[in-house]
PDB file of all heavy atoms in Angstrom:
ATOM      1  N   GLN A   1       5.284 -69.010 -24.036  1.00  0.00           N
ATOM      2  CA  GLN A   1       3.859 -68.754 -23.929  1.00  0.00           C
ATOM      3  C   GLN A   1       3.165 -70.105 -23.787  1.00  0.00           C
ATOM      4  O   GLN A   1       3.214 -70.942 -24.699  1.00  0.00           O
ATOM      5  CB  GLN A   1       3.319 -68.015 -25.147  1.00  0.00           C
ATOM      6  CG  GLN A   1       1.852 -67.718 -25.029  1.00  0.00           C
ATOM      7  CD  GLN A   1       1.327 -66.877 -26.172  1.00  0.00           C
ATOM      8  OE1 GLN A   1       2.033 -66.641 -27.156  1.00  0.00           O
ATOM      9  NE2 GLN A   1       0.110 -66.429 -26.075  1.00  0.00           N
ATOM     10  N   GLU A   2       2.573 -70.330 -22.605  1.00  0.00           N
ATOM     11  CA  GLU A   2       1.883 -71.584 -22.335  1.00  0.00           C
ATOM     12  C   GLU A   2       0.596 -71.658 -23.152  1.00  0.00           C
ATOM     13  O   GLU A   2       0.136 -70.647 -23.671  1.00  0.00           O
ATOM     14  CB  GLU A   2       1.538 -71.672 -20.840  1.00  0.00           C
ATOM     15  CG  GLU A   2       2.704 -71.443 -19.912  1.00  0.00           C
ATOM     16  CD  GLU A   2       3.501 -72.688 -19.601  1.00  0.00           C
ATOM     17  OE1 GLU A   2       2.956 -73.773 -19.788  1.00  0.00           O
ATOM     18  OE2 GLU A   2       4.636 -72.542 -19.166  1.00  0.00           O
ATOM     19  N   LYS A   3       0.011 -72.834 -23.217  1.00  0.00           N
ATOM     20  CA  LYS A   3      -1.245 -72.998 -23.961  1.00  0.00           C
ATOM     21  C   LYS A   3      -2.363 -72.163 -23.331  1.00  0.00           C
ATOM     22  O   LYS A   3      -3.301 -71.800 -24.023  1.00  0.00           O
ATOM     23  CB  LYS A   3      -1.637 -74.458 -24.063  1.00  0.00           C
ATOM     24  CG  LYS A   3      -1.932 -75.134 -22.759  1.00  0.00           C
ATOM     25  CD  LYS A   3      -2.280 -76.585 -22.980  1.00  0.00           C
ATOM     26  CE  LYS A   3      -2.502 -77.295 -21.638  1.00  0.00           C
ATOM     27  NZ  LYS A   3      -2.761 -78.708 -21.845  1.00  0.00           N
ATOM     28  N   THR A   4      -2.236 -71.821 -22.052  1.00  0.00           N
ATOM     29  CA  THR A   4      -3.231 -70.984 -21.372  1.00  0.00           C
ATOM     30  C   THR A   4      -3.100 -69.513 -21.764  1.00  0.00           C
ATOM     31  O   THR A   4      -3.935 -68.698 -21.420  1.00  0.00           O
ATOM     32  CB  THR A   4      -3.072 -71.096 -19.862  1.00  0.00           C
ATOM     33  OG1 THR A   4      -1.769 -70.623 -19.501  1.00  0.00           O
ATOM     34  CG2 THR A   4      -3.258 -72.509 -19.359  1.00  0.00           C
ATOM     35  N   GLY A   5      -1.992 -69.191 -22.437  1.00  0.00           N
ATOM     36  CA  GLY A   5      -1.723 -67.800 -22.817  1.00  0.00           C
ATOM     37  C   GLY A   5      -0.767 -67.117 -21.870  1.00  0.00           C
ATOM     38  O   GLY A   5      -0.272 -66.028 -22.158  1.00  0.00           O
ATOM     39  N   GLN A   6      -0.502 -67.724 -20.721  1.00  0.00           N
ATOM     40  CA  GLN A   6       0.433 -67.136 -19.760  1.00  0.00           C
ATOM     41  C   GLN A   6       1.836 -67.110 -20.366  1.00  0.00           C
ATOM     42  O   GLN A   6       2.283 -68.088 -20.952  1.00  0.00           O
ATOM     43  CB  GLN A   6       0.442 -67.935 -18.461  1.00  0.00           C
ATOM     44  CG  GLN A   6       1.417 -67.381 -17.448  1.00  0.00           C
ATOM     45  CD  GLN A   6       1.449 -68.192 -16.166  1.00  0.00           C
ATOM     46  OE1 GLN A   6       0.651 -69.089 -15.949  1.00  0.00           O
ATOM     47  NE2 GLN A   6       2.392 -67.858 -15.304  1.00  0.00           N
ATOM     48  N   VAL A   7       2.524 -65.994 -20.193  1.00  0.00           N
ATOM     49  CA  VAL A   7       3.883 -65.834 -20.719  1.00  0.00           C
ATOM     50  C   VAL A   7       4.852 -65.768 -19.544  1.00  0.00           C
ATOM     51  O   VAL A   7       4.634 -65.032 -18.589  1.00  0.00           O
ATOM     52  CB  VAL A   7       3.985 -64.571 -21.587  1.00  0.00           C
ATOM     53  CG1 VAL A   7       5.418 -64.355 -22.074  1.00  0.00           C
ATOM     54  CG2 VAL A   7       3.017 -64.635 -22.746  1.00  0.00           C
ATOM     55  N   THR A   8       5.930 -66.553 -19.629  1.00  0.00           N
ATOM     56  CA  THR A   8       6.972 -66.512 -18.601  1.00  0.00           C
ATOM     57  C   THR A   8       8.306 -66.184 -19.250  1.00  0.00           C
ATOM     58  O   THR A   8       8.575 -66.573 -20.372  1.00  0.00           O
ATOM     59  CB  THR A   8       7.092 -67.869 -17.849  1.00  0.00           C
ATOM     60  OG1 THR A   8       7.341 -68.905 -18.798  1.00  0.00           O
ATOM     61  CG2 THR A   8       5.816 -68.179 -17.072  1.00  0.00           C
ATOM     62  N   TYR A   9       9.102 -65.455 -18.507  1.00  0.00           N
ATOM     63  CA  TYR A   9      10.433 -65.036 -18.938  1.00  0.00           C
ATOM     64  C   TYR A   9      11.429 -65.619 -17.950  1.00  0.00           C
ATOM     65  O   TYR A   9      11.181 -65.621 -16.747  1.00  0.00           O
ATOM     66  CB  TYR A   9      10.556 -63.513 -18.931  1.00  0.00           C
ATOM     67  CG  TYR A   9       9.594 -62.839 -19.874  1.00  0.00           C
ATOM     68  CD1 TYR A   9       8.278 -62.595 -19.511  1.00  0.00           C
ATOM     69  CD2 TYR A   9      10.013 -62.449 -21.147  1.00  0.00           C
ATOM     70  CE1 TYR A   9       7.402 -61.982 -20.378  1.00  0.00           C
ATOM     71  CE2 TYR A   9       9.137 -61.843 -22.015  1.00  0.00           C
ATOM     72  CZ  TYR A   9       7.829 -61.612 -21.620  1.00  0.00           C
ATOM     73  OH  TYR A   9       6.960 -61.015 -22.485  1.00  0.00           O
ATOM     74  N   GLY A  10      12.552 -66.123 -18.457  1.00  0.00           N
ATOM     75  CA  GLY A  10      13.514 -66.696 -17.537  1.00  0.00           C
ATOM     76  C   GLY A  10      14.929 -66.725 -18.077  1.00  0.00           C
ATOM     77  O   GLY A  10      15.162 -66.574 -19.281  1.00  0.00           O
ATOM     78  N   ALA A  11      15.853 -66.905 -17.150  1.00  0.00           N
ATOM     79  CA  ALA A  11      17.263 -67.057 -17.472  1.00  0.00           C
ATOM     80  C   ALA A  11      17.731 -68.359 -16.817  1.00  0.00           C
ATOM     81  O   ALA A  11      17.426 -68.612 -15.651  1.00  0.00           O
ATOM     82  CB  ALA A  11      18.072 -65.883 -16.951  1.00  0.00           C
ATOM     83  N   ILE A  12      18.442 -69.169 -17.595  1.00  0.00           N
ATOM     84  CA  ILE A  12      18.946 -70.448 -17.111  1.00  0.00           C
ATOM     85  C   ILE A  12      20.453 -70.437 -17.248  1.00  0.00           C
ATOM     86  O   ILE A  12      20.984 -70.078 -18.302  1.00  0.00           O
ATOM     87  CB  ILE A  12      18.361 -71.606 -17.938  1.00  0.00           C
ATOM     88  CG1 ILE A  12      16.831 -71.599 -17.877  1.00  0.00           C
ATOM     89  CG2 ILE A  12      18.916 -72.952 -17.457  1.00  0.00           C
ATOM     90  CD1 ILE A  12      16.172 -72.507 -18.904  1.00  0.00           C
ATOM     91  N   PHE A  13      21.134 -70.814 -16.184  1.00  0.00           N
ATOM     92  CA  PHE A  13      22.590 -70.867 -16.180  1.00  0.00           C
ATOM     93  C   PHE A  13      23.005 -72.293 -15.819  1.00  0.00           C
ATOM     94  O   PHE A  13      22.544 -72.840 -14.814  1.00  0.00           O
ATOM     95  CB  PHE A  13      23.161 -69.872 -15.183  1.00  0.00           C
ATOM     96  CG  PHE A  13      22.757 -68.465 -15.491  1.00  0.00           C
ATOM     97  CD1 PHE A  13      21.579 -67.942 -14.980  1.00  0.00           C
ATOM     98  CD2 PHE A  13      23.516 -67.687 -16.339  1.00  0.00           C
ATOM     99  CE1 PHE A  13      21.174 -66.655 -15.293  1.00  0.00           C
ATOM    100  CE2 PHE A  13      23.117 -66.406 -16.667  1.00  0.00           C
ATOM    101  CZ  PHE A  13      21.950 -65.872 -16.151  1.00  0.00           C
ATOM    102  N   MET A  14      23.836 -72.908 -16.660  1.00  0.00           N
ATOM    103  CA  MET A  14      24.197 -74.294 -16.463  1.00  0.00           C
ATOM    104  C   MET A  14      25.699 -74.468 -16.430  1.00  0.00           C
ATOM    105  O   MET A  14      26.413 -73.854 -17.222  1.00  0.00           O
ATOM    106  CB  MET A  14      23.623 -75.161 -17.581  1.00  0.00           C
ATOM    107  CG  MET A  14      23.748 -76.628 -17.264  1.00  0.00           C
ATOM    108  SD  MET A  14      23.612 -77.628 -18.721  1.00  0.00           S
ATOM    109  CE  MET A  14      25.280 -77.457 -19.340  1.00  0.00           C
ATOM    110  N   THR A  15      26.167 -75.300 -15.490  1.00  0.00           N
ATOM    111  CA  THR A  15      27.595 -75.609 -15.408  1.00  0.00           C
ATOM    112  C   THR A  15      27.794 -77.120 -15.389  1.00  0.00           C
ATOM    113  O   THR A  15      26.914 -77.871 -14.978  1.00  0.00           O
ATOM    114  CB  THR A  15      28.227 -75.016 -14.127  1.00  0.00           C
ATOM    115  OG1 THR A  15      27.618 -75.598 -12.974  1.00  0.00           O
ATOM    116  CG2 THR A  15      28.120 -73.515 -14.085  1.00  0.00           C
ATOM    117  N   VAL A  16      28.981 -77.534 -15.832  1.00  0.00           N
ATOM    118  CA  VAL A  16      29.392 -78.931 -15.751  1.00  0.00           C
ATOM    119  C   VAL A  16      30.724 -78.922 -15.022  1.00  0.00           C
ATOM    120  O   VAL A  16      31.639 -78.196 -15.382  1.00  0.00           O
ATOM    121  CB  VAL A  16      29.579 -79.544 -17.167  1.00  0.00           C
ATOM    122  CG1 VAL A  16      30.045 -80.989 -17.049  1.00  0.00           C
ATOM    123  CG2 VAL A  16      28.302 -79.443 -17.977  1.00  0.00           C
ATOM    124  N   ALA A  17      30.806 -79.731 -13.962  1.00  0.00           N
ATOM    125  CA  ALA A  17      32.037 -79.779 -13.161  1.00  0.00           C
ATOM    126  C   ALA A  17      32.191 -81.180 -12.575  1.00  0.00           C
ATOM    127  O   ALA A  17      31.290 -82.007 -12.681  1.00  0.00           O
ATOM    128  CB  ALA A  17      31.995 -78.730 -12.060  1.00  0.00           C
ATOM    129  N   ARG A  18      33.300 -81.413 -11.937  1.00  0.00           N
ATOM    130  CA  ARG A  18      33.551 -82.721 -11.311  1.00  0.00           C
ATOM    131  C   ARG A  18      32.851 -82.840  -9.953  1.00  0.00           C
ATOM    132  O   ARG A  18      32.705 -83.916  -9.429  1.00  0.00           O
ATOM    133  CB  ARG A  18      35.034 -82.940 -11.132  1.00  0.00           C
ATOM    134  CG  ARG A  18      35.749 -83.104 -12.454  1.00  0.00           C
ATOM    135  CD  ARG A  18      37.050 -83.847 -12.237  1.00  0.00           C
ATOM    136  NE  ARG A  18      37.760 -84.007 -13.477  1.00  0.00           N
ATOM    137  CZ  ARG A  18      37.551 -85.004 -14.325  1.00  0.00           C
ATOM    138  NH1 ARG A  18      36.633 -85.882 -14.082  1.00  0.00           N
ATOM    139  NH2 ARG A  18      38.242 -85.094 -15.441  1.00  0.00           N
ATOM    140  N   GLU A  19      32.454 -81.707  -9.397  1.00  0.00           N
ATOM    141  CA  GLU A  19      31.770 -81.740  -8.094  1.00  0.00           C
ATOM    142  C   GLU A  19      30.719 -80.635  -8.057  1.00  0.00           C
ATOM    143  O   GLU A  19      30.708 -79.742  -8.886  1.00  0.00           O
ATOM    144  CB  GLU A  19      32.763 -81.586  -6.947  1.00  0.00           C
ATOM    145  CG  GLU A  19      33.563 -80.313  -7.001  1.00  0.00           C
ATOM    146  CD  GLU A  19      34.662 -80.259  -5.973  1.00  0.00           C
ATOM    147  OE1 GLU A  19      35.292 -81.298  -5.706  1.00  0.00           O
ATOM    148  OE2 GLU A  19      34.890 -79.173  -5.417  1.00  0.00           O
ATOM    149  N   TRP A  20      29.830 -80.711  -7.072  1.00  0.00           N
ATOM    150  CA  TRP A  20      28.763 -79.736  -6.911  1.00  0.00           C
ATOM    151  C   TRP A  20      29.358 -78.355  -6.609  1.00  0.00           C
ATOM    152  O   TRP A  20      30.233 -78.242  -5.762  1.00  0.00           O
ATOM    153  CB  TRP A  20      27.830 -80.137  -5.789  1.00  0.00           C
ATOM    154  CG  TRP A  20      27.081 -81.402  -6.046  1.00  0.00           C
ATOM    155  CD1 TRP A  20      27.409 -82.652  -5.611  1.00  0.00           C
ATOM    156  CD2 TRP A  20      25.896 -81.550  -6.817  1.00  0.00           C
ATOM    157  NE1 TRP A  20      26.493 -83.572  -6.049  1.00  0.00           N
ATOM    158  CE2 TRP A  20      25.542 -82.915  -6.797  1.00  0.00           C
ATOM    159  CE3 TRP A  20      25.077 -80.672  -7.519  1.00  0.00           C
ATOM    160  CZ2 TRP A  20      24.417 -83.414  -7.451  1.00  0.00           C
ATOM    161  CZ3 TRP A  20      23.963 -81.171  -8.170  1.00  0.00           C
ATOM    162  CH2 TRP A  20      23.651 -82.516  -8.133  1.00  0.00           C
ATOM    163  N   ARG A  21      28.872 -77.338  -7.313  1.00  0.00           N
ATOM    164  CA  ARG A  21      29.283 -75.961  -7.025  1.00  0.00           C
ATOM    165  C   ARG A  21      28.176 -75.181  -6.344  1.00  0.00           C
ATOM    166  O   ARG A  21      28.425 -74.333  -5.505  1.00  0.00           O
ATOM    167  CB  ARG A  21      29.649 -75.232  -8.320  1.00  0.00           C
ATOM    168  CG  ARG A  21      30.963 -75.637  -8.901  1.00  0.00           C
ATOM    169  CD  ARG A  21      31.239 -75.008 -10.245  1.00  0.00           C
ATOM    170  NE  ARG A  21      31.382 -73.562 -10.198  1.00  0.00           N
ATOM    171  CZ  ARG A  21      31.558 -72.818 -11.285  1.00  0.00           C
ATOM    172  NH1 ARG A  21      31.608 -73.372 -12.484  1.00  0.00           N
ATOM    173  NH2 ARG A  21      31.675 -71.528 -11.194  1.00  0.00           N
ATOM    174  N   TYR A  22      26.923 -75.435  -6.732  1.00  0.00           N
ATOM    175  CA  TYR A  22      25.814 -74.576  -6.312  1.00  0.00           C
ATOM    176  C   TYR A  22      24.722 -75.343  -5.560  1.00  0.00           C
ATOM    177  O   TYR A  22      23.650 -74.812  -5.340  1.00  0.00           O
ATOM    178  CB  TYR A  22      25.215 -73.867  -7.512  1.00  0.00           C
ATOM    179  CG  TYR A  22      26.238 -73.031  -8.251  1.00  0.00           C
ATOM    180  CD1 TYR A  22      26.551 -73.276  -9.578  1.00  0.00           C
ATOM    181  CD2 TYR A  22      26.912 -72.006  -7.604  1.00  0.00           C
ATOM    182  CE1 TYR A  22      27.493 -72.519 -10.250  1.00  0.00           C
ATOM    183  CE2 TYR A  22      27.865 -71.240  -8.257  1.00  0.00           C
ATOM    184  CZ  TYR A  22      28.152 -71.508  -9.580  1.00  0.00           C
ATOM    185  OH  TYR A  22      29.099 -70.767 -10.232  1.00  0.00           O
ATOM    186  N   LEU A  23      24.986 -76.553  -5.133  1.00  0.00           N
ATOM    187  CA  LEU A  23      23.977 -77.354  -4.468  1.00  0.00           C
ATOM    188  C   LEU A  23      23.471 -76.669  -3.202  1.00  0.00           C
ATOM    189  O   LEU A  23      22.263 -76.559  -2.975  1.00  0.00           O
ATOM    190  CB  LEU A  23      24.519 -78.741  -4.121  1.00  0.00           C
ATOM    191  CG  LEU A  23      23.566 -79.698  -3.426  1.00  0.00           C
ATOM    192  CD1 LEU A  23      22.375 -80.005  -4.323  1.00  0.00           C
ATOM    193  CD2 LEU A  23      24.280 -80.984  -3.042  1.00  0.00           C
ATOM    194  N   ASN A  24      24.381 -76.186  -2.371  1.00  0.00           N
ATOM    195  CA  ASN A  24      23.994 -75.572  -1.083  1.00  0.00           C
ATOM    196  C   ASN A  24      23.964 -74.060  -1.115  1.00  0.00           C
ATOM    197  O   ASN A  24      23.526 -73.433  -0.153  1.00  0.00           O
ATOM    198  CB  ASN A  24      24.950 -76.049   0.006  1.00  0.00           C
ATOM    199  CG  ASN A  24      24.818 -77.530   0.244  1.00  0.00           C
ATOM    200  OD1 ASN A  24      23.711 -78.063   0.317  1.00  0.00           O
ATOM    201  ND2 ASN A  24      25.940 -78.227   0.312  1.00  0.00           N
ATOM    202  N   CYS A  25      24.447 -73.461  -2.184  1.00  0.00           N
ATOM    203  CA  CYS A  25      24.437 -72.002  -2.288  1.00  0.00           C
ATOM    204  C   CYS A  25      24.187 -71.640  -3.740  1.00  0.00           C
ATOM    205  O   CYS A  25      25.077 -71.755  -4.591  1.00  0.00           O
ATOM    206  CB  CYS A  25      25.781 -71.425  -1.834  1.00  0.00           C
ATOM    207  SG  CYS A  25      25.852 -69.623  -1.970  1.00  0.00           S
ATOM    208  N   HIS A  26      22.941 -71.233  -4.050  1.00  0.00           N
ATOM    209  CA  HIS A  26      22.629 -70.819  -5.413  1.00  0.00           C
ATOM    210  C   HIS A  26      21.855 -69.499  -5.404  1.00  0.00           C
ATOM    211  O   HIS A  26      20.985 -69.265  -6.229  1.00  0.00           O
ATOM    212  CB  HIS A  26      21.867 -71.930  -6.160  1.00  0.00           C
ATOM    213  CG  HIS A  26      20.731 -72.501  -5.397  1.00  0.00           C
ATOM    214  ND1 HIS A  26      20.882 -73.602  -4.610  1.00  0.00           N
ATOM    215  CD2 HIS A  26      19.442 -72.133  -5.303  1.00  0.00           C
ATOM    216  CE1 HIS A  26      19.719 -73.899  -4.050  1.00  0.00           C
ATOM    217  NE2 HIS A  26      18.830 -73.013  -4.454  1.00  0.00           N
ATOM    218  N   SER A  27      22.227 -68.639  -4.465  1.00  0.00           N
ATOM    219  CA  SER A  27      21.650 -67.294  -4.472  1.00  0.00           C
ATOM    220  C   SER A  27      22.069 -66.612  -5.775  1.00  0.00           C
ATOM    221  O   SER A  27      23.090 -66.947  -6.371  1.00  0.00           O
ATOM    222  CB  SER A  27      22.153 -66.491  -3.268  1.00  0.00           C
ATOM    223  OG  SER A  27      23.559 -66.401  -3.296  1.00  0.00           O
ATOM    224  N   PHE A  28      21.267 -65.684  -6.227  1.00  0.00           N
ATOM    225  CA  PHE A  28      21.502 -65.053  -7.511  1.00  0.00           C
ATOM    226  C   PHE A  28      21.301 -63.564  -7.402  1.00  0.00           C
ATOM    227  O   PHE A  28      20.307 -63.107  -6.852  1.00  0.00           O
ATOM    228  CB  PHE A  28      20.535 -65.626  -8.565  1.00  0.00           C
ATOM    229  CG  PHE A  28      20.963 -65.386  -9.966  1.00  0.00           C
ATOM    230  CD1 PHE A  28      21.618 -66.370 -10.685  1.00  0.00           C
ATOM    231  CD2 PHE A  28      20.764 -64.150 -10.580  1.00  0.00           C
ATOM    232  CE1 PHE A  28      22.046 -66.133 -11.988  1.00  0.00           C
ATOM    233  CE2 PHE A  28      21.204 -63.908 -11.864  1.00  0.00           C
ATOM    234  CZ  PHE A  28      21.837 -64.907 -12.552  1.00  0.00           C
ATOM    235  N   ASP A  29      22.265 -62.795  -7.916  1.00  0.00           N
ATOM    236  CA  ASP A  29      22.188 -61.335  -7.893  1.00  0.00           C
ATOM    237  C   ASP A  29      22.521 -60.782  -9.265  1.00  0.00           C
ATOM    238  O   ASP A  29      23.392 -61.313  -9.960  1.00  0.00           O
ATOM    239  CB  ASP A  29      23.190 -60.778  -6.865  1.00  0.00           C
ATOM    240  CG  ASP A  29      22.888 -61.253  -5.462  1.00  0.00           C
ATOM    241  OD1 ASP A  29      21.805 -60.904  -4.935  1.00  0.00           O
ATOM    242  OD2 ASP A  29      23.715 -61.994  -4.889  1.00  0.00           O
ATOM    243  N   TRP A  30      21.841 -59.708  -9.634  1.00  0.00           N
ATOM    244  CA  TRP A  30      22.087 -59.006 -10.894  1.00  0.00           C
ATOM    245  C   TRP A  30      22.615 -57.591 -10.621  1.00  0.00           C
ATOM    246  O   TRP A  30      22.165 -56.939  -9.686  1.00  0.00           O
ATOM    247  CB  TRP A  30      20.785 -58.803 -11.662  1.00  0.00           C
ATOM    248  CG  TRP A  30      20.078 -60.001 -12.195  1.00  0.00           C
ATOM    249  CD1 TRP A  30      19.003 -60.618 -11.621  1.00  0.00           C
ATOM    250  CD2 TRP A  30      20.331 -60.708 -13.415  1.00  0.00           C
ATOM    251  NE1 TRP A  30      18.601 -61.659 -12.405  1.00  0.00           N
ATOM    252  CE2 TRP A  30      19.391 -61.736 -13.512  1.00  0.00           C
ATOM    253  CE3 TRP A  30      21.280 -60.560 -14.423  1.00  0.00           C
ATOM    254  CZ2 TRP A  30      19.360 -62.624 -14.576  1.00  0.00           C
ATOM    255  CZ3 TRP A  30      21.250 -61.443 -15.484  1.00  0.00           C
ATOM    256  CH2 TRP A  30      20.306 -62.456 -15.554  1.00  0.00           C
ATOM    257  N   LEU A  31      23.500 -57.134 -11.476  1.00  0.00           N
ATOM    258  CA  LEU A  31      23.879 -55.710 -11.567  1.00  0.00           C
ATOM    259  C   LEU A  31      23.672 -55.312 -13.016  1.00  0.00           C
ATOM    260  O   LEU A  31      24.338 -55.844 -13.914  1.00  0.00           O
ATOM    261  CB  LEU A  31      25.346 -55.486 -11.183  1.00  0.00           C
ATOM    262  CG  LEU A  31      25.689 -55.254  -9.741  1.00  0.00           C
ATOM    263  CD1 LEU A  31      27.195 -55.047  -9.592  1.00  0.00           C
ATOM    264  CD2 LEU A  31      24.930 -54.095  -9.137  1.00  0.00           C
ATOM    265  N   VAL A  32      22.715 -54.439 -13.266  1.00  0.00           N
ATOM    266  CA  VAL A  32      22.397 -54.013 -14.621  1.00  0.00           C
ATOM    267  C   VAL A  32      22.802 -52.547 -14.750  1.00  0.00           C
ATOM    268  O   VAL A  32      22.240 -51.685 -14.057  1.00  0.00           O
ATOM    269  CB  VAL A  32      20.888 -54.210 -14.925  1.00  0.00           C
ATOM    270  CG1 VAL A  32      20.568 -53.761 -16.326  1.00  0.00           C
ATOM    271  CG2 VAL A  32      20.482 -55.662 -14.705  1.00  0.00           C
ATOM    272  N   ASP A  33      23.790 -52.296 -15.586  1.00  0.00           N
ATOM    273  CA  ASP A  33      24.371 -50.961 -15.723  1.00  0.00           C
ATOM    274  C   ASP A  33      24.736 -50.385 -14.351  1.00  0.00           C
ATOM    275  O   ASP A  33      24.490 -49.220 -14.060  1.00  0.00           O
ATOM    276  CB  ASP A  33      23.432 -50.029 -16.506  1.00  0.00           C
ATOM    277  CG  ASP A  33      23.355 -50.403 -17.978  1.00  0.00           C
ATOM    278  OD1 ASP A  33      24.358 -50.924 -18.503  1.00  0.00           O
ATOM    279  OD2 ASP A  33      22.288 -50.184 -18.590  1.00  0.00           O
ATOM    280  N   GLY A  34      25.308 -51.234 -13.507  1.00  0.00           N
ATOM    281  CA  GLY A  34      25.797 -50.810 -12.202  1.00  0.00           C
ATOM    282  C   GLY A  34      24.743 -50.757 -11.098  1.00  0.00           C
ATOM    283  O   GLY A  34      25.071 -50.484  -9.960  1.00  0.00           O
ATOM    284  N   GLU A  35      23.475 -50.998 -11.443  1.00  0.00           N
ATOM    285  CA  GLU A  35      22.398 -50.929 -10.456  1.00  0.00           C
ATOM    286  C   GLU A  35      21.864 -52.325 -10.160  1.00  0.00           C
ATOM    287  O   GLU A  35      21.633 -53.106 -11.097  1.00  0.00           O
ATOM    288  CB  GLU A  35      21.248 -50.053 -10.980  1.00  0.00           C
ATOM    289  CG  GLU A  35      21.627 -48.617 -11.236  1.00  0.00           C
ATOM    290  CD  GLU A  35      21.955 -47.876  -9.944  1.00  0.00           C
ATOM    291  OE1 GLU A  35      21.294 -48.125  -8.915  1.00  0.00           O
ATOM    292  OE2 GLU A  35      22.886 -47.037  -9.974  1.00  0.00           O
ATOM    293  N   PRO A  36      21.617 -52.640  -8.879  1.00  0.00           N
ATOM    294  CA  PRO A  36      21.050 -53.948  -8.544  1.00  0.00           C
ATOM    295  C   PRO A  36      19.655 -54.120  -9.162  1.00  0.00           C
ATOM    296  O   PRO A  36      18.882 -53.170  -9.224  1.00  0.00           O
ATOM    297  CB  PRO A  36      20.953 -53.925  -7.023  1.00  0.00           C
ATOM    298  CG  PRO A  36      21.878 -52.864  -6.572  1.00  0.00           C
ATOM    299  CD  PRO A  36      21.915 -51.839  -7.683  1.00  0.00           C
ATOM    300  N   MET A  37      19.388 -55.317  -9.649  1.00  0.00           N
ATOM    301  CA  MET A  37      18.041 -55.662 -10.148  1.00  0.00           C
ATOM    302  C   MET A  37      17.532 -56.775  -9.252  1.00  0.00           C
ATOM    303  O   MET A  37      18.100 -57.863  -9.210  1.00  0.00           O
ATOM    304  CB  MET A  37      18.095 -56.113 -11.614  1.00  0.00           C
ATOM    305  CG  MET A  37      16.715 -56.427 -12.182  1.00  0.00           C
ATOM    306  SD  MET A  37      16.742 -56.766 -13.981  1.00  0.00           S
ATOM    307  CE  MET A  37      17.286 -58.477 -13.978  1.00  0.00           C
ATOM    308  N   LYS A  38      16.476 -56.483  -8.534  1.00  0.00           N
ATOM    309  CA  LYS A  38      15.923 -57.448  -7.559  1.00  0.00           C
ATOM    310  C   LYS A  38      15.161 -58.539  -8.283  1.00  0.00           C
ATOM    311  O   LYS A  38      14.305 -58.260  -9.115  1.00  0.00           O
ATOM    312  CB  LYS A  38      14.999 -56.710  -6.594  1.00  0.00           C
ATOM    313  CG  LYS A  38      14.495 -57.566  -5.480  1.00  0.00           C
ATOM    314  CD  LYS A  38      13.655 -56.754  -4.522  1.00  0.00           C
ATOM    315  CE  LYS A  38      12.906 -57.634  -3.556  1.00  0.00           C
ATOM    316  NZ  LYS A  38      13.554 -57.892  -2.353  1.00  0.00           N
ATOM    317  N   PRO A  39      15.466 -59.820  -7.963  1.00  0.00           N
ATOM    318  CA  PRO A  39      14.752 -60.929  -8.608  1.00  0.00           C
ATOM    319  C   PRO A  39      13.277 -60.940  -8.201  1.00  0.00           C
ATOM    320  O   PRO A  39      12.916 -60.487  -7.117  1.00  0.00           O
ATOM    321  CB  PRO A  39      15.454 -62.180  -8.102  1.00  0.00           C
ATOM    322  CG  PRO A  39      16.556 -61.727  -7.202  1.00  0.00           C
ATOM    323  CD  PRO A  39      16.473 -60.257  -7.039  1.00  0.00           C
ATOM    324  N   ILE A  40      12.428 -61.451  -9.077  1.00  0.00           N
ATOM    325  CA  ILE A  40      10.999 -61.549  -8.762  1.00  0.00           C
ATOM    326  C   ILE A  40      10.712 -62.783  -7.932  1.00  0.00           C
ATOM    327  O   ILE A  40       9.636 -62.916  -7.342  1.00  0.00           O
ATOM    328  CB  ILE A  40      10.114 -61.547 -10.038  1.00  0.00           C
ATOM    329  CG1 ILE A  40      10.427 -62.746 -10.941  1.00  0.00           C
ATOM    330  CG2 ILE A  40      10.237 -60.237 -10.765  1.00  0.00           C
ATOM    331  CD1 ILE A  40       9.429 -62.942 -12.073  1.00  0.00           C
ATOM    332  N   GLU A  41      11.668 -63.705  -7.881  1.00  0.00           N
ATOM    333  CA  GLU A  41      11.534 -64.933  -7.089  1.00  0.00           C
ATOM    334  C   GLU A  41      12.946 -65.458  -6.790  1.00  0.00           C
ATOM    335  O   GLU A  41      13.884 -65.117  -7.500  1.00  0.00           O
ATOM    336  CB  GLU A  41      10.734 -65.989  -7.833  1.00  0.00           C
ATOM    337  CG  GLU A  41      11.351 -66.402  -9.164  1.00  0.00           C
ATOM    338  CD  GLU A  41      10.451 -67.291  -9.991  1.00  0.00           C
ATOM    339  OE1 GLU A  41       9.228 -67.277  -9.825  1.00  0.00           O
ATOM    340  OE2 GLU A  41      11.011 -68.029 -10.828  1.00  0.00           O
ATOM    341  N   PRO A  42      13.079 -66.287  -5.744  1.00  0.00           N
ATOM    342  CA  PRO A  42      14.405 -66.867  -5.473  1.00  0.00           C
ATOM    343  C   PRO A  42      14.848 -67.779  -6.611  1.00  0.00           C
ATOM    344  O   PRO A  42      14.023 -68.380  -7.312  1.00  0.00           O
ATOM    345  CB  PRO A  42      14.176 -67.671  -4.188  1.00  0.00           C
ATOM    346  CG  PRO A  42      12.896 -67.161  -3.594  1.00  0.00           C
ATOM    347  CD  PRO A  42      12.085 -66.662  -4.742  1.00  0.00           C
ATOM    348  N   ALA A  43      16.139 -67.883  -6.784  1.00  0.00           N
ATOM    349  CA  ALA A  43      16.677 -68.775  -7.816  1.00  0.00           C
ATOM    350  C   ALA A  43      16.344 -70.208  -7.452  1.00  0.00           C
ATOM    351  O   ALA A  43      16.290 -70.575  -6.276  1.00  0.00           O
ATOM    352  CB  ALA A  43      18.188 -68.591  -7.929  1.00  0.00           C
TER     353      ALA A  43
END
């Protein structure tokens, strides 16, 4: 909840590796109980 009162919800996924995994491809898809959940914005 920002000082303006605006509330944001988010999910953050972090990896550590020897080389880039998601630099050029970081599309994100959800399946919730077998049904696709469309993102509200691109990852």
